[in-house]
Protein backbone atom coordinates (compact mmCIF):
# COMPACT_ATOMS: atom_id res chain seq x y z
CA MET A 1 0.22 -26.08 18.51
CA SER A 2 -3.47 -26.45 17.63
CA GLY A 3 -4.87 -23.00 17.07
CA ARG A 4 -6.53 -20.62 19.51
CA SER A 5 -7.00 -23.22 22.26
CA GLU A 6 -3.42 -22.47 23.31
CA GLY A 7 -3.91 -18.71 22.98
CA CYS A 8 -2.85 -16.12 20.41
CA LYS A 9 0.80 -15.94 19.66
CA PHE A 10 2.68 -12.66 18.86
CA ILE A 11 5.54 -12.06 16.46
CA PHE A 12 7.23 -8.61 16.62
CA VAL A 13 9.37 -7.35 13.72
CA THR A 14 11.86 -4.63 14.50
CA GLY A 15 14.53 -2.81 12.55
CA GLY A 16 18.08 -1.70 13.15
CA VAL A 17 21.11 0.18 11.59
CA VAL A 18 19.02 2.18 9.05
CA SER A 19 15.45 2.56 8.05
CA SER A 20 13.83 1.49 4.79
CA LEU A 21 15.50 -1.97 4.85
CA GLY A 22 12.25 -3.61 3.94
CA LYS A 23 10.58 -4.50 7.34
CA GLY A 24 7.18 -4.34 5.55
CA VAL A 25 8.18 -7.05 3.09
CA ALA A 26 9.72 -9.22 5.85
CA THR A 27 6.61 -8.82 7.96
CA ALA A 28 4.28 -9.73 5.07
CA SER A 29 6.54 -12.76 4.23
CA ILE A 30 6.15 -14.07 7.74
CA GLY A 31 2.46 -13.70 7.40
CA PHE A 32 2.50 -15.60 4.19
CA ILE A 33 4.44 -18.45 5.85
CA LEU A 34 1.84 -18.60 8.78
CA ARG A 35 -1.06 -18.46 6.41
CA ALA A 36 0.48 -21.26 4.49
CA MET A 37 0.70 -23.25 7.63
CA GLY A 38 -3.11 -22.77 7.95
CA TYR A 39 -3.32 -20.20 10.72
CA LYS A 40 -5.55 -17.28 11.08
CA ILE A 41 -3.44 -14.14 11.35
CA PHE A 42 -3.78 -10.35 11.75
CA ILE A 43 -0.92 -8.09 10.97
CA LYS A 44 -0.43 -4.49 12.50
CA LYS A 45 2.04 -1.58 11.91
CA LEU A 46 3.03 0.55 14.77
CA ASP A 47 4.53 3.92 13.51
CA PRO A 48 6.34 6.10 15.98
CA TYR A 49 5.91 9.39 14.15
CA LEU A 50 3.48 12.00 15.82
CA ASN A 51 1.09 12.36 12.77
CA ILE A 52 -2.32 11.03 13.62
CA ASP A 53 -2.31 9.02 10.38
CA PRO A 54 -0.37 9.29 7.08
CA GLY A 55 -3.31 10.95 5.46
CA THR A 56 -1.77 14.47 5.32
CA MET A 57 1.81 13.40 4.69
CA ASN A 58 3.47 14.28 1.35
CA PRO A 59 3.63 11.15 -0.91
CA LYS A 60 7.07 12.43 -2.29
CA GLU A 61 8.54 12.05 1.14
CA HIS A 62 6.53 9.20 2.72
CA GLY A 63 5.22 7.15 -0.27
CA GLU A 64 1.59 6.36 -0.95
CA VAL A 65 -1.12 6.34 1.67
CA PHE A 66 -2.70 2.84 1.52
CA VAL A 67 -6.53 2.87 2.11
CA THR A 68 -8.27 -0.05 3.83
CA GLU A 69 -11.77 -1.24 3.16
CA ASP A 70 -13.14 0.45 6.22
CA GLY A 71 -11.64 3.78 5.23
CA GLY A 72 -8.41 3.92 7.24
CA GLU A 73 -5.55 6.05 5.80
CA THR A 74 -2.52 4.01 6.59
CA ASP A 75 1.11 3.21 5.94
CA LEU A 76 1.95 1.72 2.59
CA ASP A 77 3.28 -1.45 4.31
CA LEU A 78 -0.24 -2.52 4.84
CA GLY A 79 -0.54 -2.90 1.10
CA HIS A 80 2.28 -5.48 1.29
CA TYR A 81 0.46 -7.28 4.00
CA GLU A 82 -2.66 -7.67 1.99
CA ARG A 83 -0.93 -8.56 -1.24
CA PHE A 84 1.26 -11.21 0.39
CA THR A 85 -1.31 -12.89 2.66
CA GLY A 86 -4.80 -12.03 1.23
CA VAL A 87 -5.88 -10.90 4.63
CA LYS A 88 -7.67 -7.60 4.55
CA THR A 89 -6.32 -4.93 6.82
CA SER A 90 -8.41 -2.32 8.63
CA LYS A 91 -8.16 0.86 10.72
CA ASP A 92 -7.16 -1.39 13.47
CA SER A 93 -3.98 -2.43 11.46
CA ASN A 94 -2.07 0.76 11.86
CA MET A 95 -1.36 3.04 14.89
CA THR A 96 0.85 6.06 15.11
CA ALA A 97 2.41 7.66 18.15
CA GLY A 98 0.32 10.70 17.35
CA ARG A 99 -2.92 8.75 17.68
CA ILE A 100 -1.70 7.13 21.01
CA TYR A 101 -0.88 10.50 22.46
CA GLN A 102 -4.17 12.01 21.23
CA THR A 103 -6.04 9.22 22.87
CA LEU A 104 -4.04 9.58 26.05
CA LEU A 105 -4.68 13.39 26.36
CA GLU A 106 -8.42 12.95 25.59
CA LYS A 107 -8.58 10.36 28.40
CA GLU A 108 -6.71 12.71 30.80
CA ARG A 109 -8.97 15.65 29.98
CA ASN A 110 -11.97 13.38 30.56
CA GLY A 111 -10.71 12.47 33.93
CA ASP A 112 -10.23 8.83 33.10
CA TYR A 113 -7.03 8.60 35.13
CA LEU A 114 -8.68 9.80 38.23
CA GLY A 115 -5.96 12.36 39.14
CA GLN A 116 -3.03 10.14 38.46
CA THR A 117 0.19 11.55 37.10
CA VAL A 118 0.07 10.62 33.55
CA GLN A 119 3.32 9.05 32.41
CA VAL A 120 4.76 7.07 29.47
CA ILE A 121 4.96 3.97 31.73
CA PRO A 122 2.36 2.68 32.39
CA HIS A 123 -0.21 4.93 30.67
CA VAL A 124 1.27 5.22 27.13
CA THR A 125 2.54 1.62 26.94
CA ASN A 126 -0.79 0.31 28.25
CA LEU A 127 -2.52 2.10 25.33
CA ILE A 128 0.01 0.52 22.87
CA LYS A 129 -0.42 -3.01 24.31
CA ASN A 130 -4.13 -2.58 24.28
CA PHE A 131 -3.89 -1.87 20.52
CA ILE A 132 -1.53 -4.79 19.85
CA LYS A 133 -3.76 -7.31 21.73
CA ARG A 134 -6.88 -6.21 19.94
CA HIS A 135 -8.15 -9.13 17.92
CA GLU A 136 -6.27 -11.67 19.77
CA GLN A 137 -9.43 -13.68 20.53
CA GLU A 138 -10.18 -14.39 16.89
CA ASN A 139 -6.66 -15.05 15.58
CA ASP A 140 -3.86 -17.57 16.07
CA PHE A 141 -1.16 -15.09 15.37
CA ILE A 142 -0.78 -11.36 15.67
CA ILE A 143 2.20 -10.00 13.80
CA CYS A 144 3.41 -6.40 14.70
CA GLU A 145 5.89 -4.39 12.77
CA ILE A 146 7.46 -1.55 14.65
CA GLY A 147 8.40 1.39 12.35
CA GLY A 148 11.61 3.10 12.52
CA THR A 149 14.90 1.73 13.91
CA VAL A 150 15.95 0.72 17.40
CA GLY A 151 17.40 3.73 19.14
CA ASP A 152 14.94 6.19 17.82
CA ILE A 153 13.74 8.33 20.73
CA GLU A 154 10.08 8.37 19.63
CA ALA A 155 10.06 4.51 19.14
CA LEU A 156 11.10 3.77 22.77
CA PRO A 157 7.62 3.49 24.16
CA PHE A 158 6.70 0.91 21.44
CA PHE A 159 9.80 -1.24 22.25
CA GLU A 160 8.96 -1.05 26.00
CA ALA A 161 5.45 -2.17 25.20
CA ILE A 162 6.48 -5.21 23.34
CA ARG A 163 9.02 -6.05 25.99
CA GLN A 164 6.26 -5.98 28.59
CA ILE A 165 3.98 -8.20 26.50
CA ARG A 166 6.73 -10.89 26.45
CA GLY A 167 6.95 -10.63 30.27
CA GLU A 168 3.12 -10.93 30.50
CA ILE A 169 2.36 -13.82 28.26
CA GLY A 170 5.68 -15.78 28.16
CA VAL A 171 8.61 -16.37 26.00
CA GLU A 172 6.85 -19.51 24.52
CA ASN A 173 4.08 -17.22 23.14
CA THR A 174 6.25 -14.40 21.62
CA MET A 175 8.92 -14.10 18.96
CA PHE A 176 11.25 -11.16 18.24
CA VAL A 177 12.57 -10.98 14.63
CA HIS A 178 15.10 -8.17 14.06
CA LEU A 179 15.93 -6.95 10.58
CA THR A 180 19.39 -5.43 10.20
CA LEU A 181 21.83 -4.30 7.49
CA ILE A 182 25.07 -6.08 6.68
CA PRO A 183 27.09 -3.50 4.56
CA PHE A 184 29.51 -4.52 1.90
CA LEU A 185 32.70 -2.44 1.54
CA GLN A 186 33.85 -2.43 -2.07
CA SER A 187 37.34 -0.99 -1.11
CA THR A 188 38.28 -4.20 0.77
CA SER A 189 35.61 -6.55 -0.80
CA GLU A 190 34.31 -7.62 2.56
CA ILE A 191 31.03 -7.46 4.48
CA LYS A 192 30.86 -5.93 7.92
CA THR A 193 28.81 -7.52 10.69
CA LYS A 194 29.69 -4.89 13.36
CA PRO A 195 26.59 -2.68 12.53
CA THR A 196 24.31 -5.71 13.09
CA GLN A 197 26.10 -6.50 16.51
CA HIS A 198 25.60 -2.92 17.68
CA SER A 199 21.93 -2.92 16.65
CA VAL A 200 21.26 -6.20 18.47
CA LYS A 201 23.28 -4.74 21.48
CA GLU A 202 21.06 -1.68 21.45
CA LEU A 203 17.96 -3.78 21.33
CA MET A 204 19.24 -5.86 24.23
CA SER A 205 19.90 -2.82 26.24
CA ILE A 206 16.22 -2.18 26.32
CA GLY A 207 15.32 -5.63 27.37
CA ILE A 208 14.53 -7.27 24.06
CA ILE A 209 16.55 -10.44 22.97
CA PRO A 210 15.85 -11.27 19.38
CA ASP A 211 14.88 -14.91 18.51
CA ALA A 212 15.84 -14.54 14.83
CA LEU A 213 17.82 -12.05 12.59
CA ILE A 214 17.01 -11.12 8.93
CA CYS A 215 20.19 -9.68 7.62
CA ARG A 216 19.80 -7.36 4.49
CA THR A 217 22.77 -7.78 2.20
CA ASP A 218 24.01 -7.11 -1.31
CA ILE A 219 25.93 -10.34 -1.56
CA GLU A 220 25.42 -13.90 -0.15
CA LEU A 221 26.50 -14.50 3.35
CA LEU A 222 29.02 -17.34 3.97
CA SER A 223 28.59 -19.94 6.66
CA ALA A 224 31.40 -18.31 8.55
CA ASP A 225 29.69 -14.94 8.39
CA LYS A 226 26.36 -16.41 9.74
CA GLN A 227 28.25 -18.26 12.51
CA LYS A 228 29.98 -14.89 13.55
CA ILE A 229 26.67 -13.17 13.61
CA ALA A 230 25.13 -15.97 15.56
CA SER A 231 27.78 -15.94 18.14
CA PHE A 232 28.07 -12.26 18.71
CA CYS A 233 24.28 -11.73 18.60
CA ASN A 234 23.19 -14.56 20.87
CA VAL A 235 21.05 -16.43 18.36
CA ASN A 236 21.14 -19.94 16.84
CA TYR A 237 22.93 -20.42 13.65
CA ASP A 238 19.78 -21.34 11.62
CA CYS A 239 18.07 -18.28 12.98
CA VAL A 240 20.35 -16.00 11.09
CA ILE A 241 18.38 -15.54 7.80
CA GLU A 242 19.94 -13.91 4.73
CA GLY A 243 17.78 -11.09 3.42
CA LEU A 244 19.54 -10.88 -0.08
CA ASN A 245 18.44 -8.19 -2.44
CA LEU A 246 15.93 -9.70 -4.89
CA ASP A 247 14.59 -8.65 -8.29
CA ASN A 248 11.00 -9.47 -7.16
CA ILE A 249 9.76 -8.97 -3.69
CA TYR A 250 7.41 -11.94 -3.80
CA LYS A 251 10.45 -14.18 -3.85
CA ALA A 252 11.21 -13.09 -0.22
CA PRO A 253 9.01 -15.72 1.56
CA LEU A 254 10.29 -18.37 -0.73
CA SER A 255 13.89 -17.30 0.08
CA TYR A 256 13.09 -17.45 3.78
CA ILE A 257 11.59 -20.92 3.43
CA ASN A 258 14.52 -22.21 1.48
CA GLN A 259 16.76 -21.15 4.37
CA GLY A 260 14.63 -23.00 6.85
CA PHE A 261 12.92 -19.96 8.45
CA ASP A 262 9.60 -21.71 8.46
CA ARG A 263 11.18 -24.49 10.58
CA VAL A 264 12.59 -21.84 13.00
CA ILE A 265 8.95 -20.53 13.35
CA MET A 266 7.63 -24.15 13.78
CA ARG A 267 10.15 -24.90 16.44
CA LYS A 268 9.46 -21.74 18.33
CA PHE A 269 5.82 -22.31 18.53
CA ASN A 270 5.82 -26.19 18.64
CA ILE A 271 4.25 -26.57 15.12
CA SER A 272 4.68 -30.06 13.82
CA SER A 273 4.13 -29.76 10.07
CA TYR A 274 2.10 -27.89 7.41
CA GLN A 275 0.97 -28.31 3.79
CA LYS A 276 2.74 -25.97 1.35
CA ALA A 277 -0.11 -25.54 -1.32
CA ASP A 278 0.20 -21.75 -1.11
CA VAL A 279 3.95 -21.92 -1.47
CA LEU A 280 3.51 -24.04 -4.72
CA LYS A 281 1.09 -21.46 -6.11
CA LEU A 282 3.41 -18.63 -5.60
CA GLN A 283 6.29 -20.76 -7.06
CA ASP A 284 4.21 -21.25 -10.13
CA THR A 285 3.37 -17.57 -10.41
CA LEU A 286 7.05 -16.51 -10.04
CA ALA A 287 8.05 -19.20 -12.60
CA LYS A 288 5.61 -17.64 -15.12
CA TRP A 289 7.18 -14.23 -14.44
CA GLU A 290 10.51 -15.59 -15.21
CA GLN A 291 9.25 -16.98 -18.55
CA ILE A 292 7.68 -13.74 -19.67
CA LYS A 293 10.67 -11.67 -18.77
CA THR A 294 12.39 -12.99 -21.88
CA GLN A 295 9.68 -11.48 -24.09
CA THR A 296 9.88 -8.22 -25.91
CA PRO A 297 8.33 -5.85 -23.33
CA LYS A 298 5.33 -3.62 -23.86
CA LYS A 299 5.98 -0.10 -22.80
CA LEU A 300 3.79 1.47 -20.24
CA ALA A 301 3.88 4.96 -18.74
CA ILE A 302 2.53 6.29 -15.39
CA ALA A 303 1.97 9.98 -15.99
CA GLY A 304 1.73 11.64 -12.51
CA LYS A 305 3.07 14.26 -10.27
CA TYR A 306 4.85 12.33 -7.46
CA THR A 307 7.30 10.49 -9.67
CA SER A 308 10.45 11.54 -7.75
CA LEU A 309 9.57 8.82 -5.32
CA LYS A 310 8.38 5.59 -6.88
CA ASP A 311 6.79 4.38 -3.64
CA SER A 312 4.21 7.12 -4.15
CA TYR A 313 2.59 4.72 -6.58
CA LYS A 314 3.63 1.49 -4.83
CA SER A 315 0.25 -0.31 -4.97
CA LEU A 316 -0.32 0.86 -8.61
CA SER A 317 3.07 -0.59 -9.66
CA GLU A 318 2.32 -3.85 -7.92
CA ALA A 319 -1.24 -4.18 -9.35
CA ILE A 320 0.30 -3.65 -12.82
CA TYR A 321 2.78 -6.42 -12.16
CA HIS A 322 0.11 -8.75 -10.81
CA ALA A 323 -1.94 -8.23 -14.09
CA SER A 324 1.01 -8.48 -16.42
CA VAL A 325 1.98 -11.90 -14.89
CA HIS A 326 -1.70 -13.07 -15.30
CA CYS A 327 -1.75 -11.84 -18.89
CA GLY A 328 1.66 -13.26 -19.69
CA ILE A 329 3.03 -9.83 -20.84
CA ASN A 330 6.34 -8.42 -19.95
CA LEU A 331 5.92 -4.74 -19.09
CA ASP A 332 8.57 -1.94 -19.09
CA ILE A 333 7.15 0.73 -16.82
CA SER A 334 8.29 4.37 -17.14
CA PHE A 335 7.22 7.36 -14.84
CA LEU A 336 6.47 10.70 -16.47
CA ASP A 337 6.19 13.90 -14.51
CA THR A 338 3.02 15.69 -15.87
CA ARG A 339 4.36 19.09 -14.96
CA ALA A 340 6.73 18.71 -17.93
CA PHE A 341 3.64 18.65 -20.16
CA ASP A 342 1.95 21.79 -18.78
CA ASN A 343 3.20 24.03 -21.53
CA GLN A 344 4.41 21.70 -24.29
CA THR A 345 2.91 21.74 -27.79
CA THR A 346 0.45 19.05 -28.93
CA GLN A 347 3.14 17.58 -31.25
CA GLN A 348 5.78 17.48 -28.45
CA ILE A 349 3.43 15.59 -26.08
CA ALA A 350 2.43 13.29 -29.03
CA ASP A 351 6.15 12.51 -29.81
CA GLU A 352 6.74 11.61 -26.17
CA LEU A 353 3.77 9.36 -25.72
CA ALA A 354 4.43 7.60 -29.03
CA LYS A 355 7.07 5.67 -27.09
CA TYR A 356 4.46 3.90 -25.11
CA ASP A 357 1.83 1.25 -25.71
CA GLY A 358 -0.43 2.73 -23.11
CA VAL A 359 -0.64 5.39 -20.30
CA ILE A 360 -2.10 5.36 -16.71
CA VAL A 361 -2.86 8.78 -15.22
CA PRO A 362 -3.18 8.10 -11.49
CA GLY A 363 -4.61 10.03 -8.61
CA GLY A 364 -3.08 12.97 -6.72
CA PHE A 365 -3.86 16.21 -4.86
CA GLY A 366 -3.32 19.93 -5.49
CA THR A 367 -2.99 21.88 -8.60
CA GLU A 368 0.56 21.16 -9.87
CA GLY A 369 0.71 19.16 -12.99
CA LEU A 370 -2.95 19.25 -13.64
CA GLU A 371 -2.82 20.99 -17.11
CA GLY A 372 -0.09 18.43 -18.05
CA LYS A 373 -2.48 15.66 -17.11
CA ILE A 374 -5.20 17.19 -19.26
CA ASN A 375 -2.87 17.62 -22.22
CA VAL A 376 -1.65 13.98 -21.92
CA ILE A 377 -5.22 12.63 -21.75
CA LYS A 378 -6.18 14.87 -24.85
CA THR A 379 -3.42 13.36 -26.87
CA LEU A 380 -4.28 9.72 -25.71
CA ARG A 381 -7.86 10.29 -26.71
CA GLU A 382 -7.04 11.76 -30.17
CA THR A 383 -4.33 9.13 -31.06
CA ASN A 384 -6.53 6.14 -29.80
CA LYS A 385 -3.81 5.08 -27.45
CA PRO A 386 -4.99 2.86 -24.43
CA PHE A 387 -5.74 5.13 -21.44
CA LEU A 388 -6.65 4.25 -17.80
CA GLY A 389 -7.45 7.08 -15.43
CA ILE A 390 -7.57 6.72 -11.71
CA CYS A 391 -9.29 9.13 -9.23
CA LEU A 392 -7.86 12.51 -10.25
CA GLY A 393 -7.11 10.97 -13.67
CA MET A 394 -10.86 10.41 -14.21
CA GLN A 395 -11.72 13.97 -13.22
CA MET A 396 -9.07 15.37 -15.61
CA ALA A 397 -10.47 13.13 -18.30
CA VAL A 398 -13.89 14.60 -17.89
CA ILE A 399 -12.52 18.15 -17.84
CA GLU A 400 -10.48 17.44 -20.98
CA PHE A 401 -13.52 16.11 -22.80
CA ALA A 402 -15.63 19.02 -21.69
CA ARG A 403 -13.13 21.60 -22.86
CA ASN A 404 -12.01 19.97 -26.17
CA VAL A 405 -15.17 17.99 -27.28
CA LEU A 406 -18.11 19.95 -25.60
CA GLY A 407 -16.35 23.24 -26.26
CA ILE A 408 -16.58 24.36 -22.61
CA LYS A 409 -13.22 26.11 -22.68
CA ASN A 410 -13.38 27.31 -19.09
CA ALA A 411 -14.33 23.91 -17.68
CA ASN A 412 -12.23 23.19 -14.51
CA THR A 413 -12.33 21.79 -10.97
CA GLN A 414 -13.05 23.43 -7.76
CA GLU A 415 -9.73 22.14 -6.46
CA VAL A 416 -8.06 24.60 -8.90
CA MET A 417 -10.53 27.53 -9.00
CA GLY A 418 -11.93 27.51 -5.43
CA ASP A 419 -14.81 29.96 -5.13
CA SER A 420 -13.91 31.81 -8.40
CA GLN A 421 -16.90 32.48 -10.51
CA ASN A 422 -14.75 32.55 -13.78
CA TYR A 423 -15.13 28.90 -14.75
CA ILE A 424 -17.62 26.09 -15.32
CA LYS A 425 -17.40 23.61 -12.44
CA ILE A 426 -17.21 20.17 -13.96
CA VAL A 427 -15.63 18.68 -10.81
CA GLY A 428 -16.60 20.08 -7.44
CA ILE A 429 -16.57 19.29 -3.73
CA MET A 430 -19.52 17.52 -2.12
CA ASN A 431 -20.83 19.27 0.96
CA ALA A 432 -21.81 15.92 2.50
CA TRP A 433 -22.24 12.32 1.40
CA MET A 434 -23.85 9.27 3.07
CA ASP A 435 -21.63 6.48 4.60
CA GLY A 436 -24.14 4.16 5.95
CA GLU A 437 -26.06 6.29 8.47
CA GLN A 438 -23.26 8.69 9.06
CA ILE A 439 -23.05 11.97 7.25
CA ILE A 440 -19.53 13.01 6.37
CA ASN A 441 -18.94 16.67 5.96
CA SER A 442 -16.19 17.18 3.39
CA GLN A 443 -15.55 20.79 4.31
CA LYS A 444 -14.17 20.10 7.71
CA GLN A 445 -10.44 19.72 8.53
CA ILE A 446 -8.25 18.34 5.85
CA GLY A 447 -7.24 15.11 7.61
CA GLY A 448 -9.74 12.28 7.39
CA SER A 449 -12.34 14.38 5.62
CA MET A 450 -12.47 12.56 2.21
CA ARG A 451 -14.73 9.73 0.87
CA LEU A 452 -12.57 6.84 2.23
CA GLY A 453 -12.76 3.01 1.99
CA ASN A 454 -15.11 0.61 0.19
CA TYR A 455 -18.09 1.99 -1.76
CA THR A 456 -20.30 0.06 -4.01
CA ALA A 457 -21.40 1.27 -7.56
CA ASN A 458 -24.06 0.03 -10.03
CA ILE A 459 -22.69 -0.81 -13.43
CA VAL A 460 -24.49 -0.05 -16.64
CA SER A 461 -25.08 -2.98 -18.87
CA ASN A 462 -23.38 -3.40 -22.28
CA THR A 463 -20.44 -1.22 -21.28
CA LEU A 464 -16.77 -1.98 -21.09
CA CYS A 465 -16.97 -1.62 -17.32
CA HIS A 466 -19.70 -4.28 -17.32
CA LYS A 467 -17.53 -6.55 -19.48
CA ILE A 468 -14.61 -6.12 -17.23
CA TYR A 469 -16.25 -6.89 -13.95
CA ALA A 470 -18.83 -9.34 -15.34
CA ALA A 471 -21.32 -8.17 -12.79
CA SER A 472 -23.99 -5.63 -12.21
CA THR A 473 -22.09 -3.96 -9.28
CA LEU A 474 -18.55 -3.32 -8.11
CA THR A 475 -17.07 -2.67 -4.77
CA GLU A 476 -13.72 -0.70 -4.71
CA ARG A 477 -11.85 1.61 -2.35
CA HIS A 478 -12.00 5.38 -2.56
CA ARG A 479 -9.81 8.28 -1.41
CA HIS A 480 -10.96 11.61 -2.75
CA ARG A 481 -12.65 14.81 -1.85
CA TYR A 482 -14.05 15.92 -5.15
CA GLU A 483 -16.67 14.41 -7.46
CA VAL A 484 -17.61 14.75 -11.06
CA ASP A 485 -20.88 16.76 -11.49
CA ILE A 486 -23.68 14.39 -12.69
CA SER A 487 -25.55 17.38 -14.27
CA PHE A 488 -23.23 17.04 -17.22
CA LYS A 489 -24.24 13.48 -17.92
CA THR A 490 -26.46 14.15 -20.91
CA GLN A 491 -23.94 16.48 -22.57
CA LEU A 492 -21.09 14.11 -22.13
CA GLU A 493 -22.90 10.98 -23.46
CA LYS A 494 -24.36 12.82 -26.52
CA ALA A 495 -20.75 13.66 -27.46
CA GLY A 496 -19.48 10.13 -26.96
CA MET A 497 -18.25 9.77 -23.30
CA ILE A 498 -20.62 7.62 -21.30
CA ILE A 499 -20.82 7.15 -17.49
CA SER A 500 -20.87 3.41 -17.02
CA ALA A 501 -21.14 3.16 -13.29
CA PHE A 502 -22.88 5.26 -10.62
CA SER A 503 -23.17 5.38 -6.87
CA PRO A 504 -26.34 3.48 -5.72
CA ASN A 505 -28.33 6.78 -5.46
CA GLY A 506 -27.25 7.61 -9.03
CA LYS A 507 -25.73 10.90 -8.09
CA LEU A 508 -21.98 10.13 -8.26
CA PRO A 509 -20.26 9.05 -11.50
CA GLU A 510 -17.87 6.22 -10.71
CA VAL A 511 -16.63 5.18 -14.17
CA VAL A 512 -16.45 6.95 -17.53
CA GLU A 513 -15.46 5.48 -20.85
CA ILE A 514 -15.46 6.29 -24.52
CA PRO A 515 -16.82 3.18 -26.47
CA THR A 516 -15.33 4.09 -29.82
CA HIS A 517 -11.80 4.28 -28.44
CA LYS A 518 -9.49 1.29 -28.28
CA PHE A 519 -9.44 1.55 -24.54
CA PHE A 520 -10.36 4.76 -22.77
CA LEU A 521 -11.76 4.26 -19.24
CA ALA A 522 -11.35 6.15 -16.08
CA VAL A 523 -12.59 5.42 -12.60
CA GLN A 524 -13.13 7.60 -9.48
CA TYR A 525 -11.90 4.80 -7.10
CA HIS A 526 -8.41 3.22 -6.50
CA PRO A 527 -8.51 -0.36 -7.96
CA GLU A 528 -4.82 -0.79 -7.19
CA PHE A 529 -5.74 -1.21 -3.43
CA ASN A 530 -7.68 -4.44 -4.36
CA SER A 531 -5.14 -6.63 -6.10
CA SER A 532 -2.72 -9.32 -5.23
CA VAL A 533 -0.15 -11.48 -7.05
CA LEU A 534 -2.58 -14.40 -7.18
CA THR A 535 -5.74 -12.43 -7.72
CA PRO A 536 -5.14 -9.37 -9.93
CA ASN A 537 -7.71 -6.70 -10.20
CA PRO A 538 -9.70 -7.22 -13.41
CA LEU A 539 -9.54 -3.65 -14.38
CA PHE A 540 -5.74 -3.84 -14.77
CA VAL A 541 -5.98 -7.20 -16.60
CA SER A 542 -8.35 -5.73 -19.23
CA PHE A 543 -6.18 -2.61 -19.59
CA ILE A 544 -2.96 -4.55 -20.13
CA GLU A 545 -4.81 -6.93 -22.51
CA SER A 546 -5.51 -3.87 -24.78
CA LEU A 547 -1.94 -2.87 -25.11
């Protein structure tokens, strides 16, 4: 194979038996291998649910919403894609069934189908195929992960679409990778391959024959186990890849390579050889992690409101890991529900936070746990303990300072108080802001109405922010609806909290800090969306170095 001259190739990753097996990590690992081979790739996630996008979905049920540079609110798996491959995702990287049907019905209402009876085949499947094939001209490989599991009713059009693509461009230009579960029965101390056999049978019943299987398992598979799976599932023996549970997800691509999965891909697409420089870099990084694991850990707390599901803060956890490896510091991360601090005494909060070397207060939405966040930030400020606030964490930091330092006891946010007149609005909603030449009205429908994606900020010289970024500007991803009111700038700075980065027009505070504090910095954006294991975000590096 010699790049695009032979046309773009497609790899489809599907799942069976149960959901949440790790298709996102598997897909990202395949992307890492192809990037290591020197190919240009684009990864996409197809989600069968009927939401237009994940933007309005509860983080405690669905996990975090990952934000792309161009402002797409997408599935958290896109974060894995970026962190493993270094390839930036976009709005074109995630499609839901809801958006497909929305597009379909808009086209039907506009008369685009010229009176045809609109059906799943060919109209829905054509829209799915068009989305999948987008970007094929400029890439060597497109990798598509199909959300859910084979057999899901809502996923059937997606499976049909990828079946049709193989028929249209040929077996030699497509690869189907199926991720399944190999359960281990403790009562008999044996693994069971039957669920995988049934899953593959279900896949084959809709016309898709897998080229390789990734088998998630708690214990190592024996050669006889792999041979049995290969025989019953109609794949070659070396195409049965063990997906053993790992203590570090970044070991996944190396595990696949050690089992020869890279050679399976090479054989499938007639690739002769490749340089493994990226593989060696990842090996070195993971070796460093193994070394620092023996150190006495620093204790870090994430004080938020979605702590019941750790995937709610997936990108944040990963960004912390990236920075900790870079700094050579072993971190022990705990999650604290800020609702527990809503009504606790100052001493109770101080006693709890004394267990940690530093605290991050992340973003969120709604009113629950806000007073707890304010109480936590107050304690961190008064005890000189390192604090990093993100998005809502920055807004609460400013409100806390206004209440307890400026003496504005009724300082609050419009998110809590709405149209009430009984408070001083430190944080409020913007009626509109400029995004290029487009005016975005933030008071329209909830979905897709926030300041989303990359925005640039000007950094004030001789500040901690300037030291961290070592530049006069920064560009980071945003996802929020409320802004700190710039009119309080003079009062804040006279009392010791400075605004160290602004939007280019000078109207929107982007970073606040307290120079006299050991480390007290809060940002309006989400730096966790711009970090990878080989290139950690400098903000997290600086914060962890302060612990």
